[in-house]
Amino acid sequence: MDLVATGPNRRAEAMVERHPPAPVESLVLSREQRWTLHHVLLDWLGRETAATSDHGSAATSEIERAFAELDAGGCEFTHAELQAVQDVLASYHHSPTWWEVERSRLEGLLHEVSARLAGSDDRRIGGGDD
């Protein structure tokens, strides 16, 4: 953000860069899948917050936005959010902790997110139906 002097008193106003909105991908999830994804992201954010004292990484920001979307009842995510969600799901899918009871649901979620990302990548390089 840059400050620019304007007007007769030359007061500084912030110029906000405007970027086109990032394309979104919609996931079609059952109620159980939504609950599992919500729980996984909430758990991951809690662990990430406890482990870091700074503002977190770019992945943390993407997961926070994805969690907020899911928490508000939505299922539309940017490509970057889906990539971050995919990474979290993969780590939980391979975790030897109590997440083992959710293994099949995690696997289904991971497959859904990965398939959506693969389709998104195909469209980005001109291989899709656009």
C-alpha atoms as a PDB file:
ATOM      1  CA  MET A   1       0.000   0.000   0.000  1.00  0.00           C
ATOM      2  CA  ASP A   2       1.372   3.401  -0.979  1.00  0.00           C
ATOM      3  CA  LEU A   3       0.516   6.768   0.519  1.00  0.00           C
ATOM      4  CA  VAL A   4      -0.240   9.592  -1.876  1.00  0.00           C
ATOM      5  CA  ALA A   5      -0.566  13.290  -1.016  1.00  0.00           C
ATOM      6  CA  THR A   6      -3.810  14.701  -2.412  1.00  0.00           C
ATOM      7  CA  GLY A   7      -6.088  17.723  -2.144  1.00  0.00           C
ATOM      8  CA  PRO A   8      -5.358  21.313  -1.164  1.00  0.00           C
ATOM      9  CA  ASN A   9      -4.040  20.337   2.263  1.00  0.00           C
ATOM     10  CA  ARG A  10      -1.917  17.586   0.722  1.00  0.00           C
ATOM     11  CA  ARG A  11      -3.227  15.028   3.209  1.00  0.00           C
ATOM     12  CA  ALA A  12      -2.050  11.480   2.734  1.00  0.00           C
ATOM     13  CA  GLU A  13      -4.509   8.891   1.510  1.00  0.00           C
ATOM     14  CA  ALA A  14      -3.818   5.216   1.119  1.00  0.00           C
ATOM     15  CA  MET A  15      -3.875   3.817  -2.379  1.00  0.00           C
ATOM     16  CA  VAL A  16      -5.041   0.253  -2.243  1.00  0.00           C
ATOM     17  CA  GLU A  17      -3.961  -1.990  -5.082  1.00  0.00           C
ATOM     18  CA  ARG A  18      -6.925  -3.734  -6.613  1.00  0.00           C
ATOM     19  CA  HIS A  19      -6.412  -7.250  -7.881  1.00  0.00           C
ATOM     20  CA  PRO A  20      -8.967  -9.247  -9.806  1.00  0.00           C
ATOM     21  CA  PRO A  21     -10.691 -11.766  -7.563  1.00  0.00           C
ATOM     22  CA  ALA A  22      -9.050 -15.175  -7.481  1.00  0.00           C
ATOM     23  CA  PRO A  23     -11.066 -17.874  -9.236  1.00  0.00           C
ATOM     24  CA  VAL A  24     -12.880 -20.159  -6.856  1.00  0.00           C
ATOM     25  CA  GLU A  25     -13.499 -23.875  -6.909  1.00  0.00           C
ATOM     26  CA  SER A  26     -16.614 -25.379  -5.366  1.00  0.00           C
ATOM     27  CA  LEU A  27     -16.446 -28.622  -3.463  1.00  0.00           C
ATOM     28  CA  VAL A  28     -19.502 -30.838  -3.117  1.00  0.00           C
ATOM     29  CA  LEU A  29     -19.248 -32.373   0.336  1.00  0.00           C
ATOM     30  CA  SER A  30     -21.616 -34.401   2.456  1.00  0.00           C
ATOM     31  CA  ARG A  31     -22.488 -33.170   5.931  1.00  0.00           C
ATOM     32  CA  GLU A  32     -20.067 -35.707   7.421  1.00  0.00           C
ATOM     33  CA  GLN A  33     -17.267 -34.600   5.103  1.00  0.00           C
ATOM     34  CA  ARG A  34     -17.886 -30.947   5.965  1.00  0.00           C
ATOM     35  CA  TRP A  35     -17.749 -31.774   9.664  1.00  0.00           C
ATOM     36  CA  THR A  36     -14.523 -33.760   9.293  1.00  0.00           C
ATOM     37  CA  LEU A  37     -12.867 -31.018   7.226  1.00  0.00           C
ATOM     38  CA  HIS A  38     -14.025 -28.372   9.707  1.00  0.00           C
ATOM     39  CA  HIS A  39     -12.618 -30.399  12.592  1.00  0.00           C
ATOM     40  CA  VAL A  40      -9.288 -31.047  10.833  1.00  0.00           C
ATOM     41  CA  LEU A  41      -8.789 -27.385   9.899  1.00  0.00           C
ATOM     42  CA  LEU A  42      -9.758 -26.204  13.388  1.00  0.00           C
ATOM     43  CA  ASP A  43      -7.341 -28.690  14.959  1.00  0.00           C
ATOM     44  CA  TRP A  44      -4.551 -27.675  12.554  1.00  0.00           C
ATOM     45  CA  LEU A  45      -5.109 -23.961  13.215  1.00  0.00           C
ATOM     46  CA  GLY A  46      -5.031 -24.579  16.973  1.00  0.00           C
ATOM     47  CA  ARG A  47      -1.752 -26.466  16.712  1.00  0.00           C
ATOM     48  CA  GLU A  48      -0.261 -23.888  14.327  1.00  0.00           C
ATOM     49  CA  THR A  49      -1.230 -21.012  16.623  1.00  0.00           C
ATOM     50  CA  ALA A  50       0.289 -22.773  19.628  1.00  0.00           C
ATOM     51  CA  ALA A  51       3.500 -23.534  17.720  1.00  0.00           C
ATOM     52  CA  THR A  52       4.154 -20.058  16.321  1.00  0.00           C
ATOM     53  CA  SER A  53       4.356 -16.717  18.020  1.00  0.00           C
ATOM     54  CA  ASP A  54       4.423 -14.623  14.848  1.00  0.00           C
ATOM     55  CA  HIS A  55       1.624 -14.113  12.338  1.00  0.00           C
ATOM     56  CA  GLY A  56       2.092 -17.512  10.761  1.00  0.00           C
ATOM     57  CA  SER A  57       2.897 -18.525   7.231  1.00  0.00           C
ATOM     58  CA  ALA A  58       1.112 -18.048   3.934  1.00  0.00           C
ATOM     59  CA  ALA A  59      -0.329 -21.542   4.424  1.00  0.00           C
ATOM     60  CA  THR A  60      -1.786 -20.415   7.751  1.00  0.00           C
ATOM     61  CA  SER A  61      -3.538 -17.506   6.035  1.00  0.00           C
ATOM     62  CA  GLU A  62      -4.935 -19.812   3.357  1.00  0.00           C
ATOM     63  CA  ILE A  63      -6.187 -22.292   5.951  1.00  0.00           C
ATOM     64  CA  GLU A  64      -7.726 -19.479   8.016  1.00  0.00           C
ATOM     65  CA  ARG A  65      -9.646 -18.259   4.955  1.00  0.00           C
ATOM     66  CA  ALA A  66     -10.693 -21.805   4.021  1.00  0.00           C
ATOM     67  CA  PHE A  67     -11.839 -22.459   7.588  1.00  0.00           C
ATOM     68  CA  ALA A  68     -13.812 -19.191   7.657  1.00  0.00           C
ATOM     69  CA  GLU A  69     -15.539 -20.149   4.377  1.00  0.00           C
ATOM     70  CA  LEU A  70     -16.398 -23.605   5.691  1.00  0.00           C
ATOM     71  CA  ASP A  71     -17.484 -22.247   9.084  1.00  0.00           C
ATOM     72  CA  ALA A  72     -19.856 -19.834   7.325  1.00  0.00           C
ATOM     73  CA  GLY A  73     -21.461 -22.764   5.517  1.00  0.00           C
ATOM     74  CA  GLY A  74     -19.683 -22.296   2.186  1.00  0.00           C
ATOM     75  CA  CYS A  75     -17.594 -24.642   0.114  1.00  0.00           C
ATOM     76  CA  GLU A  76     -15.925 -22.304  -2.385  1.00  0.00           C
ATOM     77  CA  PHE A  77     -12.161 -22.011  -2.173  1.00  0.00           C
ATOM     78  CA  THR A  78      -9.368 -20.408  -4.137  1.00  0.00           C
ATOM     79  CA  HIS A  79      -6.722 -22.593  -5.758  1.00  0.00           C
ATOM     80  CA  ALA A  80      -4.206 -21.559  -3.064  1.00  0.00           C
ATOM     81  CA  GLU A  81      -6.676 -22.411  -0.301  1.00  0.00           C
ATOM     82  CA  LEU A  82      -7.341 -25.828  -1.823  1.00  0.00           C
ATOM     83  CA  GLN A  83      -3.614 -26.509  -2.082  1.00  0.00           C
ATOM     84  CA  ALA A  84      -3.174 -25.635   1.600  1.00  0.00           C
ATOM     85  CA  VAL A  85      -6.193 -27.786   2.537  1.00  0.00           C
ATOM     86  CA  GLN A  86      -4.740 -30.653   0.481  1.00  0.00           C
ATOM     87  CA  ASP A  87      -1.448 -30.422   2.396  1.00  0.00           C
ATOM     88  CA  VAL A  88      -3.237 -30.448   5.755  1.00  0.00           C
ATOM     89  CA  LEU A  89      -5.468 -33.366   4.769  1.00  0.00           C
ATOM     90  CA  ALA A  90      -2.451 -35.347   3.551  1.00  0.00           C
ATOM     91  CA  SER A  91      -0.602 -34.813   6.823  1.00  0.00           C
ATOM     92  CA  TYR A  92      -3.644 -35.853   8.869  1.00  0.00           C
ATOM     93  CA  HIS A  93      -4.340 -38.813   6.581  1.00  0.00           C
ATOM     94  CA  HIS A  94      -0.847 -40.149   7.290  1.00  0.00           C
ATOM     95  CA  SER A  95      -0.952 -39.324  10.996  1.00  0.00           C
ATOM     96  CA  PRO A  96      -0.707 -42.284  13.391  1.00  0.00           C
ATOM     97  CA  THR A  97      -2.810 -40.488  16.035  1.00  0.00           C
ATOM     98  CA  TRP A  98      -6.506 -40.701  16.829  1.00  0.00           C
ATOM     99  CA  TRP A  99      -7.255 -39.430  13.315  1.00  0.00           C
ATOM    100  CA  GLU A 100      -7.012 -43.088  12.291  1.00  0.00           C
ATOM    101  CA  VAL A 101     -10.723 -43.433  13.091  1.00  0.00           C
ATOM    102  CA  GLU A 102     -11.386 -40.809  10.404  1.00  0.00           C
ATOM    103  CA  ARG A 103      -8.961 -42.327   7.900  1.00  0.00           C
ATOM    104  CA  SER A 104     -11.557 -43.329   5.284  1.00  0.00           C
ATOM    105  CA  ARG A 105     -13.310 -39.948   5.455  1.00  0.00           C
ATOM    106  CA  LEU A 106      -9.951 -38.148   5.279  1.00  0.00           C
ATOM    107  CA  GLU A 107      -9.040 -40.244   2.265  1.00  0.00           C
ATOM    108  CA  GLY A 108     -12.305 -39.296   0.547  1.00  0.00           C
ATOM    109  CA  LEU A 109     -11.753 -35.608   1.293  1.00  0.00           C
ATOM    110  CA  LEU A 110      -8.179 -35.772   0.083  1.00  0.00           C
ATOM    111  CA  HIS A 111      -9.339 -37.437  -3.144  1.00  0.00           C
ATOM    112  CA  GLU A 112     -12.064 -34.789  -3.678  1.00  0.00           C
ATOM    113  CA  VAL A 113      -9.671 -31.863  -3.106  1.00  0.00           C
ATOM    114  CA  SER A 114      -6.940 -33.449  -5.254  1.00  0.00           C
ATOM    115  CA  ALA A 115      -9.389 -34.115  -8.088  1.00  0.00           C
ATOM    116  CA  ARG A 116     -10.669 -30.530  -7.927  1.00  0.00           C
ATOM    117  CA  LEU A 117      -7.099 -29.204  -8.003  1.00  0.00           C
ATOM    118  CA  ALA A 118      -6.201 -31.466 -10.947  1.00  0.00           C
ATOM    119  CA  GLY A 119      -9.229 -30.182 -12.850  1.00  0.00           C
ATOM    120  CA  SER A 120      -8.309 -26.615 -11.992  1.00  0.00           C
ATOM    121  CA  ASP A 121      -4.750 -27.147 -13.194  1.00  0.00           C
ATOM    122  CA  ASP A 122      -6.038 -28.623 -16.467  1.00  0.00           C
ATOM    123  CA  ARG A 123      -8.155 -25.524 -17.069  1.00  0.00           C
ATOM    124  CA  ARG A 124      -5.226 -23.233 -16.264  1.00  0.00           C
ATOM    125  CA  ILE A 125      -3.070 -24.807 -18.970  1.00  0.00           C
ATOM    126  CA  GLY A 126      -5.855 -25.006 -21.523  1.00  0.00           C
ATOM    127  CA  GLY A 127      -6.696 -28.674 -21.119  1.00  0.00           C
ATOM    128  CA  GLY A 128     -10.159 -28.130 -19.668  1.00  0.00           C
ATOM    129  CA  ASP A 129     -13.598 -27.595 -21.096  1.00  0.00           C
ATOM    130  CA  ASP A 130     -13.481 -23.775 -21.120  1.00  0.00           C
END
